[in-house]
C-alpha atoms as a PDB file:
ATOM      1  CA  UNK A   1     -22.114  13.365  32.980  1.00  0.00           C
ATOM      2  CA  UNK A   2     -21.892  14.898  36.472  1.00  0.00           C
ATOM      3  CA  UNK A   3     -24.309  17.358  38.047  1.00  0.00           C
ATOM      4  CA  UNK A   4     -22.460  20.454  36.869  1.00  0.00           C
ATOM      5  CA  UNK A   5     -22.220  19.204  33.283  1.00  0.00           C
ATOM      6  CA  UNK A   6     -25.929  18.356  33.307  1.00  0.00           C
ATOM      7  CA  UNK A   7     -26.762  21.825  34.612  1.00  0.00           C
ATOM      8  CA  UNK A   8     -24.745  23.515  31.856  1.00  0.00           C
ATOM      9  CA  UNK A   9     -26.381  21.279  29.228  1.00  0.00           C
ATOM     10  CA  UNK A  10     -29.824  22.239  30.580  1.00  0.00           C
ATOM     11  CA  UNK A  11     -28.808  25.891  30.426  1.00  0.00           C
ATOM     12  CA  UNK A  12     -27.973  25.555  26.730  1.00  0.00           C
ATOM     13  CA  UNK A  13     -31.150  23.593  26.014  1.00  0.00           C
ATOM     14  CA  UNK A  14     -33.275  26.312  27.632  1.00  0.00           C
ATOM     15  CA  UNK A  15     -31.250  29.011  25.883  1.00  0.00           C
ATOM     16  CA  UNK A  16     -32.008  27.531  22.465  1.00  0.00           C
ATOM     17  CA  UNK A  17     -35.658  27.010  23.368  1.00  0.00           C
ATOM     18  CA  UNK A  18     -36.071  30.646  24.380  1.00  0.00           C
ATOM     19  CA  UNK A  19     -34.191  31.917  21.336  1.00  0.00           C
ATOM     20  CA  UNK A  20     -36.653  30.102  19.045  1.00  0.00           C
ATOM     21  CA  UNK A  21     -33.777  29.268  16.684  1.00  0.00           C
ATOM     22  CA  UNK A  22     -34.950  25.665  16.874  1.00  0.00           C
ATOM     23  CA  UNK A  23     -38.226  26.577  15.197  1.00  0.00           C
ATOM     24  CA  UNK A  24     -37.052  26.647  11.563  1.00  0.00           C
ATOM     25  CA  UNK A  25     -35.257  23.256  11.545  1.00  0.00           C
ATOM     26  CA  UNK A  26     -38.036  21.574  13.526  1.00  0.00           C
ATOM     27  CA  UNK A  27     -40.711  22.928  11.191  1.00  0.00           C
ATOM     28  CA  UNK A  28     -38.625  21.807   8.223  1.00  0.00           C
ATOM     29  CA  UNK A  29     -38.469  18.293   9.674  1.00  0.00           C
ATOM     30  CA  UNK A  30     -42.182  18.330  10.489  1.00  0.00           C
ATOM     31  CA  UNK A  31     -42.991  19.172   6.865  1.00  0.00           C
ATOM     32  CA  UNK A  32     -40.713  16.347   5.700  1.00  0.00           C
ATOM     33  CA  UNK A  33     -42.519  13.918   8.021  1.00  0.00           C
ATOM     34  CA  UNK A  34     -45.901  15.083   6.797  1.00  0.00           C
ATOM     35  CA  UNK A  35     -44.876  14.485   3.178  1.00  0.00           C
ATOM     36  CA  UNK A  36     -43.525  11.046   4.063  1.00  0.00           C
ATOM     37  CA  UNK A  37     -46.707  10.090   5.908  1.00  0.00           C
ATOM     38  CA  UNK A  38     -48.785  10.977   2.866  1.00  0.00           C
ATOM     39  CA  UNK A  39     -46.637   8.874   0.518  1.00  0.00           C
ATOM     40  CA  UNK A  40     -47.645   5.499   2.017  1.00  0.00           C
ATOM     41  CA  UNK A  41     -44.209   3.865   1.710  1.00  0.00           C
ATOM     42  CA  UNK A  42     -43.048   0.782   3.586  1.00  0.00           C
ATOM     43  CA  UNK A  43     -41.483   1.257   7.024  1.00  0.00           C
ATOM     44  CA  UNK A  44     -37.979   0.656   5.595  1.00  0.00           C
ATOM     45  CA  UNK A  45     -38.475   3.400   3.001  1.00  0.00           C
ATOM     46  CA  UNK A  46     -39.865   5.719   5.649  1.00  0.00           C
ATOM     47  CA  UNK A  47     -36.899   5.133   7.976  1.00  0.00           C
ATOM     48  CA  UNK A  48     -34.460   5.866   5.131  1.00  0.00           C
ATOM     49  CA  UNK A  49     -36.341   9.049   4.263  1.00  0.00           C
ATOM     50  CA  UNK A  50     -36.660  10.394   7.813  1.00  0.00           C
ATOM     51  CA  UNK A  51     -33.051   9.501   8.667  1.00  0.00           C
ATOM     52  CA  UNK A  52     -31.774  11.359   5.608  1.00  0.00           C
ATOM     53  CA  UNK A  53     -33.568  14.533   6.702  1.00  0.00           C
ATOM     54  CA  UNK A  54     -32.329  14.171  10.272  1.00  0.00           C
ATOM     55  CA  UNK A  55     -28.722  14.787   9.252  1.00  0.00           C
ATOM     56  CA  UNK A  56     -29.130  18.353   7.926  1.00  0.00           C
ATOM     57  CA  UNK A  57     -31.723  19.129  10.602  1.00  0.00           C
ATOM     58  CA  UNK A  58     -29.297  18.072  13.354  1.00  0.00           C
ATOM     59  CA  UNK A  59     -26.508  20.090  11.726  1.00  0.00           C
ATOM     60  CA  UNK A  60     -28.846  23.104  11.642  1.00  0.00           C
ATOM     61  CA  UNK A  61     -29.835  22.640  15.288  1.00  0.00           C
ATOM     62  CA  UNK A  62     -26.213  22.225  16.363  1.00  0.00           C
ATOM     63  CA  UNK A  63     -25.049  25.388  14.634  1.00  0.00           C
ATOM     64  CA  UNK A  64     -28.051  27.230  16.081  1.00  0.00           C
ATOM     65  CA  UNK A  65     -27.140  25.965  19.543  1.00  0.00           C
ATOM     66  CA  UNK A  66     -23.501  27.046  19.243  1.00  0.00           C
ATOM     67  CA  UNK A  67     -24.460  30.547  18.079  1.00  0.00           C
ATOM     68  CA  UNK A  68     -27.450  31.181  20.369  1.00  0.00           C
ATOM     69  CA  UNK A  69     -25.420  32.564  23.273  1.00  0.00           C
ATOM     70  CA  UNK A  70     -24.281  36.210  23.093  1.00  0.00           C
ATOM     71  CA  UNK A  71     -20.497  36.661  23.165  1.00  0.00           C
ATOM     72  CA  UNK A  72     -20.490  38.263  26.630  1.00  0.00           C
ATOM     73  CA  UNK A  73     -22.612  35.459  28.109  1.00  0.00           C
ATOM     74  CA  UNK A  74     -20.472  32.841  26.377  1.00  0.00           C
ATOM     75  CA  UNK A  75     -17.360  34.277  28.012  1.00  0.00           C
ATOM     76  CA  UNK A  76     -18.998  34.082  31.429  1.00  0.00           C
ATOM     77  CA  UNK A  77     -20.159  30.494  30.857  1.00  0.00           C
ATOM     78  CA  UNK A  78     -16.675  29.466  29.694  1.00  0.00           C
ATOM     79  CA  UNK A  79     -15.117  31.103  32.767  1.00  0.00           C
ATOM     80  CA  UNK A  80     -17.519  29.498  35.240  1.00  0.00           C
ATOM     81  CA  UNK A  81     -17.813  26.018  33.711  1.00  0.00           C
ATOM     82  CA  UNK A  82     -14.588  25.912  31.706  1.00  0.00           C
ATOM     83  CA  UNK A  83     -14.425  26.198  27.893  1.00  0.00           C
ATOM     84  CA  UNK A  84     -14.251  22.436  27.351  1.00  0.00           C
ATOM     85  CA  UNK A  85     -17.236  21.685  29.548  1.00  0.00           C
ATOM     86  CA  UNK A  86     -19.224  24.546  28.075  1.00  0.00           C
ATOM     87  CA  UNK A  87     -18.657  23.433  24.488  1.00  0.00           C
ATOM     88  CA  UNK A  88     -19.361  19.764  25.225  1.00  0.00           C
ATOM     89  CA  UNK A  89     -22.502  20.713  27.156  1.00  0.00           C
ATOM     90  CA  UNK A  90     -23.756  22.766  24.200  1.00  0.00           C
ATOM     91  CA  UNK A  91     -23.080  19.877  21.814  1.00  0.00           C
ATOM     92  CA  UNK A  92     -24.815  17.474  24.183  1.00  0.00           C
ATOM     93  CA  UNK A  93     -27.877  19.729  24.339  1.00  0.00           C
ATOM     94  CA  UNK A  94     -27.938  19.967  20.542  1.00  0.00           C
ATOM     95  CA  UNK A  95     -27.765  16.175  20.355  1.00  0.00           C
ATOM     96  CA  UNK A  96     -30.741  16.002  22.693  1.00  0.00           C
ATOM     97  CA  UNK A  97     -32.805  18.165  20.358  1.00  0.00           C
ATOM     98  CA  UNK A  98     -31.796  15.960  17.444  1.00  0.00           C
ATOM     99  CA  UNK A  99     -32.739  12.821  19.345  1.00  0.00           C
ATOM    100  CA  UNK A 100     -36.180  14.233  20.100  1.00  0.00           C
ATOM    101  CA  UNK A 101     -36.688  14.745  16.362  1.00  0.00           C
ATOM    102  CA  UNK A 102     -35.394  11.214  15.751  1.00  0.00           C
ATOM    103  CA  UNK A 103     -37.863   9.745  18.258  1.00  0.00           C
ATOM    104  CA  UNK A 104     -40.770  11.381  16.431  1.00  0.00           C
ATOM    105  CA  UNK A 105     -39.343  10.289  13.071  1.00  0.00           C
ATOM    106  CA  UNK A 106     -38.915   6.709  14.249  1.00  0.00           C
ATOM    107  CA  UNK A 107     -42.501   6.576  15.516  1.00  0.00           C
ATOM    108  CA  UNK A 108     -43.854   7.939  12.239  1.00  0.00           C
ATOM    109  CA  UNK A 109     -41.687   5.557  10.208  1.00  0.00           C
ATOM    110  CA  UNK A 110     -42.652   2.485  12.228  1.00  0.00           C
ATOM    111  CA  UNK A 111     -46.345   3.014  11.512  1.00  0.00           C
ATOM    112  CA  UNK A 112     -45.960   4.354   7.974  1.00  0.00           C
ATOM    113  CA  UNK A 113     -46.321   0.989   6.252  1.00  0.00           C
ATOM    114  CA  UNK A 114     -45.509  -2.725   6.423  1.00  0.00           C
ATOM    115  CA  UNK A 115     -42.358  -3.550   8.391  1.00  0.00           C
ATOM    116  CA  UNK A 116     -40.612  -5.959   6.006  1.00  0.00           C
ATOM    117  CA  UNK A 117     -37.724  -7.670   7.767  1.00  0.00           C
ATOM    118  CA  UNK A 118     -39.215  -7.308  11.237  1.00  0.00           C
ATOM    119  CA  UNK A 119     -36.876  -6.569  14.138  1.00  0.00           C
ATOM    120  CA  UNK A 120     -33.762  -6.312  11.951  1.00  0.00           C
ATOM    121  CA  UNK A 121     -35.308  -3.567   9.831  1.00  0.00           C
ATOM    122  CA  UNK A 122     -36.537  -1.779  12.943  1.00  0.00           C
ATOM    123  CA  UNK A 123     -33.056  -1.963  14.515  1.00  0.00           C
ATOM    124  CA  UNK A 124     -31.437  -0.721  11.310  1.00  0.00           C
ATOM    125  CA  UNK A 125     -33.934   2.127  11.022  1.00  0.00           C
ATOM    126  CA  UNK A 126     -33.534   3.346  14.591  1.00  0.00           C
ATOM    127  CA  UNK A 127     -29.740   2.952  14.429  1.00  0.00           C
ATOM    128  CA  UNK A 128     -29.578   4.888  11.152  1.00  0.00           C
ATOM    129  CA  UNK A 129     -31.600   7.727  12.646  1.00  0.00           C
ATOM    130  CA  UNK A 130     -29.230   7.816  15.629  1.00  0.00           C
ATOM    131  CA  UNK A 131     -26.230   7.833  13.280  1.00  0.00           C
ATOM    132  CA  UNK A 132     -27.682  10.692  11.250  1.00  0.00           C
ATOM    133  CA  UNK A 133     -28.288  12.755  14.392  1.00  0.00           C
ATOM    134  CA  UNK A 134     -24.713  12.195  15.558  1.00  0.00           C
ATOM    135  CA  UNK A 135     -23.207  12.988  12.170  1.00  0.00           C
ATOM    136  CA  UNK A 136     -25.405  16.068  11.977  1.00  0.00           C
ATOM    137  CA  UNK A 137     -23.910  17.344  15.225  1.00  0.00           C
ATOM    138  CA  UNK A 138     -20.450  16.724  13.749  1.00  0.00           C
ATOM    139  CA  UNK A 139     -21.288  18.790  10.656  1.00  0.00           C
ATOM    140  CA  UNK A 140     -22.823  21.564  12.749  1.00  0.00           C
ATOM    141  CA  UNK A 141     -19.873  21.665  15.151  1.00  0.00           C
ATOM    142  CA  UNK A 142     -17.354  22.029  12.321  1.00  0.00           C
ATOM    143  CA  UNK A 143     -19.415  24.779  10.668  1.00  0.00           C
ATOM    144  CA  UNK A 144     -19.912  26.889  13.798  1.00  0.00           C
ATOM    145  CA  UNK A 145     -17.792  29.569  15.458  1.00  0.00           C
ATOM    146  CA  UNK A 146     -14.959  29.805  16.254  1.00  0.00           C
ATOM    147  CA  UNK A 147     -13.966  27.464  13.409  1.00  0.00           C
ATOM    148  CA  UNK A 148     -16.255  29.291  10.946  1.00  0.00           C
ATOM    149  CA  UNK A 149     -17.282  32.653  12.413  1.00  0.00           C
ATOM    150  CA  UNK A 150     -19.116  34.025   9.357  1.00  0.00           C
ATOM    151  CA  UNK A 151     -22.791  33.019   9.353  1.00  0.00           C
ATOM    152  CA  UNK A 152     -23.078  32.696   5.578  1.00  0.00           C
ATOM    153  CA  UNK A 153     -20.025  30.505   5.185  1.00  0.00           C
ATOM    154  CA  UNK A 154     -21.022  28.485   8.232  1.00  0.00           C
ATOM    155  CA  UNK A 155     -24.481  27.686   6.876  1.00  0.00           C
ATOM    156  CA  UNK A 156     -22.998  26.807   3.483  1.00  0.00           C
ATOM    157  CA  UNK A 157     -20.370  24.533   5.030  1.00  0.00           C
ATOM    158  CA  UNK A 158     -22.927  22.827   7.279  1.00  0.00           C
ATOM    159  CA  UNK A 159     -25.097  22.094   4.254  1.00  0.00           C
ATOM    160  CA  UNK A 160     -22.185  20.774   2.194  1.00  0.00           C
ATOM    161  CA  UNK A 161     -20.925  18.571   5.039  1.00  0.00           C
ATOM    162  CA  UNK A 162     -24.422  17.194   5.633  1.00  0.00           C
ATOM    163  CA  UNK A 163     -24.812  16.433   1.921  1.00  0.00           C
ATOM    164  CA  UNK A 164     -21.387  14.808   1.766  1.00  0.00           C
ATOM    165  CA  UNK A 165     -22.139  12.617   4.778  1.00  0.00           C
ATOM    166  CA  UNK A 166     -25.357  11.490   3.119  1.00  0.00           C
ATOM    167  CA  UNK A 167     -23.985  10.618  -0.316  1.00  0.00           C
ATOM    168  CA  UNK A 168     -20.393   9.495   0.325  1.00  0.00           C
ATOM    169  CA  UNK A 169     -20.279   5.756  -0.332  1.00  0.00           C
ATOM    170  CA  UNK A 170     -18.484   4.811   2.885  1.00  0.00           C
ATOM    171  CA  UNK A 171     -20.316   7.280   5.106  1.00  0.00           C
ATOM    172  CA  UNK A 172     -21.992   5.587   8.104  1.00  0.00           C
ATOM    173  CA  UNK A 173     -25.238   7.377   7.226  1.00  0.00           C
ATOM    174  CA  UNK A 174     -25.097   6.129   3.654  1.00  0.00           C
ATOM    175  CA  UNK A 175     -24.490   2.566   4.890  1.00  0.00           C
ATOM    176  CA  UNK A 176     -27.652   2.585   6.980  1.00  0.00           C
ATOM    177  CA  UNK A 177     -29.815   4.309   4.390  1.00  0.00           C
ATOM    178  CA  UNK A 178     -28.572   1.928   1.687  1.00  0.00           C
ATOM    179  CA  UNK A 179     -29.428  -1.091   3.857  1.00  0.00           C
ATOM    180  CA  UNK A 180     -32.946   0.242   4.414  1.00  0.00           C
ATOM    181  CA  UNK A 181     -33.433   0.997   0.726  1.00  0.00           C
ATOM    182  CA  UNK A 182     -32.397  -2.537  -0.207  1.00  0.00           C
ATOM    183  CA  UNK A 183     -34.976  -3.959   2.206  1.00  0.00           C
ATOM    184  CA  UNK A 184     -37.635  -1.689   0.712  1.00  0.00           C
ATOM    185  CA  UNK A 185     -36.730  -3.075  -2.724  1.00  0.00           C
ATOM    186  CA  UNK A 186     -37.160  -6.675  -1.592  1.00  0.00           C
ATOM    187  CA  UNK A 187     -33.692  -7.683  -0.400  1.00  0.00           C
ATOM    188  CA  UNK A 188     -33.097  -9.606   2.813  1.00  0.00           C
ATOM    189  CA  UNK A 189     -32.681  -7.325   5.844  1.00  0.00           C
ATOM    190  CA  UNK A 190     -29.206  -6.844   7.270  1.00  0.00           C
ATOM    191  CA  UNK A 191     -27.708  -4.572   9.899  1.00  0.00           C
ATOM    192  CA  UNK A 192     -24.533  -2.637   8.901  1.00  0.00           C
ATOM    193  CA  UNK A 193     -22.376  -3.420  11.935  1.00  0.00           C
ATOM    194  CA  UNK A 194     -19.607  -0.973  11.050  1.00  0.00           C
ATOM    195  CA  UNK A 195     -21.891   2.046  10.679  1.00  0.00           C
ATOM    196  CA  UNK A 196     -22.384   3.112  14.311  1.00  0.00           C
ATOM    197  CA  UNK A 197     -18.729   2.654  15.426  1.00  0.00           C
ATOM    198  CA  UNK A 198     -17.569   4.598  12.361  1.00  0.00           C
ATOM    199  CA  UNK A 199     -20.053   7.366  13.122  1.00  0.00           C
ATOM    200  CA  UNK A 200     -18.813   7.610  16.706  1.00  0.00           C
ATOM    201  CA  UNK A 201     -15.228   8.045  15.470  1.00  0.00           C
ATOM    202  CA  UNK A 202     -16.283  10.849  13.095  1.00  0.00           C
ATOM    203  CA  UNK A 203     -18.308  12.585  15.791  1.00  0.00           C
ATOM    204  CA  UNK A 204     -15.519  12.316  18.368  1.00  0.00           C
ATOM    205  CA  UNK A 205     -13.049  13.892  15.928  1.00  0.00           C
ATOM    206  CA  UNK A 206     -15.438  16.717  14.996  1.00  0.00           C
ATOM    207  CA  UNK A 207     -16.380  17.467  18.596  1.00  0.00           C
ATOM    208  CA  UNK A 208     -12.694  17.441  19.598  1.00  0.00           C
ATOM    209  CA  UNK A 209     -11.808  19.902  16.812  1.00  0.00           C
ATOM    210  CA  UNK A 210     -14.692  22.192  17.762  1.00  0.00           C
ATOM    211  CA  UNK A 211     -13.801  22.055  21.457  1.00  0.00           C
ATOM    212  CA  UNK A 212     -10.094  22.672  20.806  1.00  0.00           C
ATOM    213  CA  UNK A 213     -10.974  25.744  18.730  1.00  0.00           C
ATOM    214  CA  UNK A 214     -13.255  27.030  21.490  1.00  0.00           C
ATOM    215  CA  UNK A 215     -10.465  26.636  24.054  1.00  0.00           C
ATOM    216  CA  UNK A 216      -7.971  28.556  21.903  1.00  0.00           C
ATOM    217  CA  UNK A 217     -10.484  31.285  21.040  1.00  0.00           C
END
């Protein structure tokens, strides 16, 4: 990322911060973490739990990011920075918010209970949280304008995509969460090698579709 791209990403990050649209998803995640902390599960269980909540939270943050800018300001940003750079900068800023939530979730999970499986479980947990953040940005990007201009339909689609990415058997998020759940139930720890590359492919496709729609809009 060059200096101009970083500046546009910072602009979007500040824009979302000032809009306070981040408040609802962050509070939702904070409540989920508080409930998890009180449950006293093992670290593997806690990682699975916090990662699962990260996906809809990241989708929520991404859609909030892509709708925070007024139409007139968005036109100016697209003219100055270019529509592709502007959209990718907004998605990058949304990813940053998701990663901040993931860092807090990983810290809470690591100290929540015994870390059965040691470094492998820790790697799987952190990787799964990263995957869920990335897939959340994919869901949010596909459910945001200009692909889905109506707020109601966009929120509904974001929720359905997030749920599908969590429960679909071959979803990268499901792979990681399943591996963590197995460790929590006494199985030997293992790292799902295909999960992160598969997630990157999904995210690249979703970001490309969102960016292409923004360029044509």
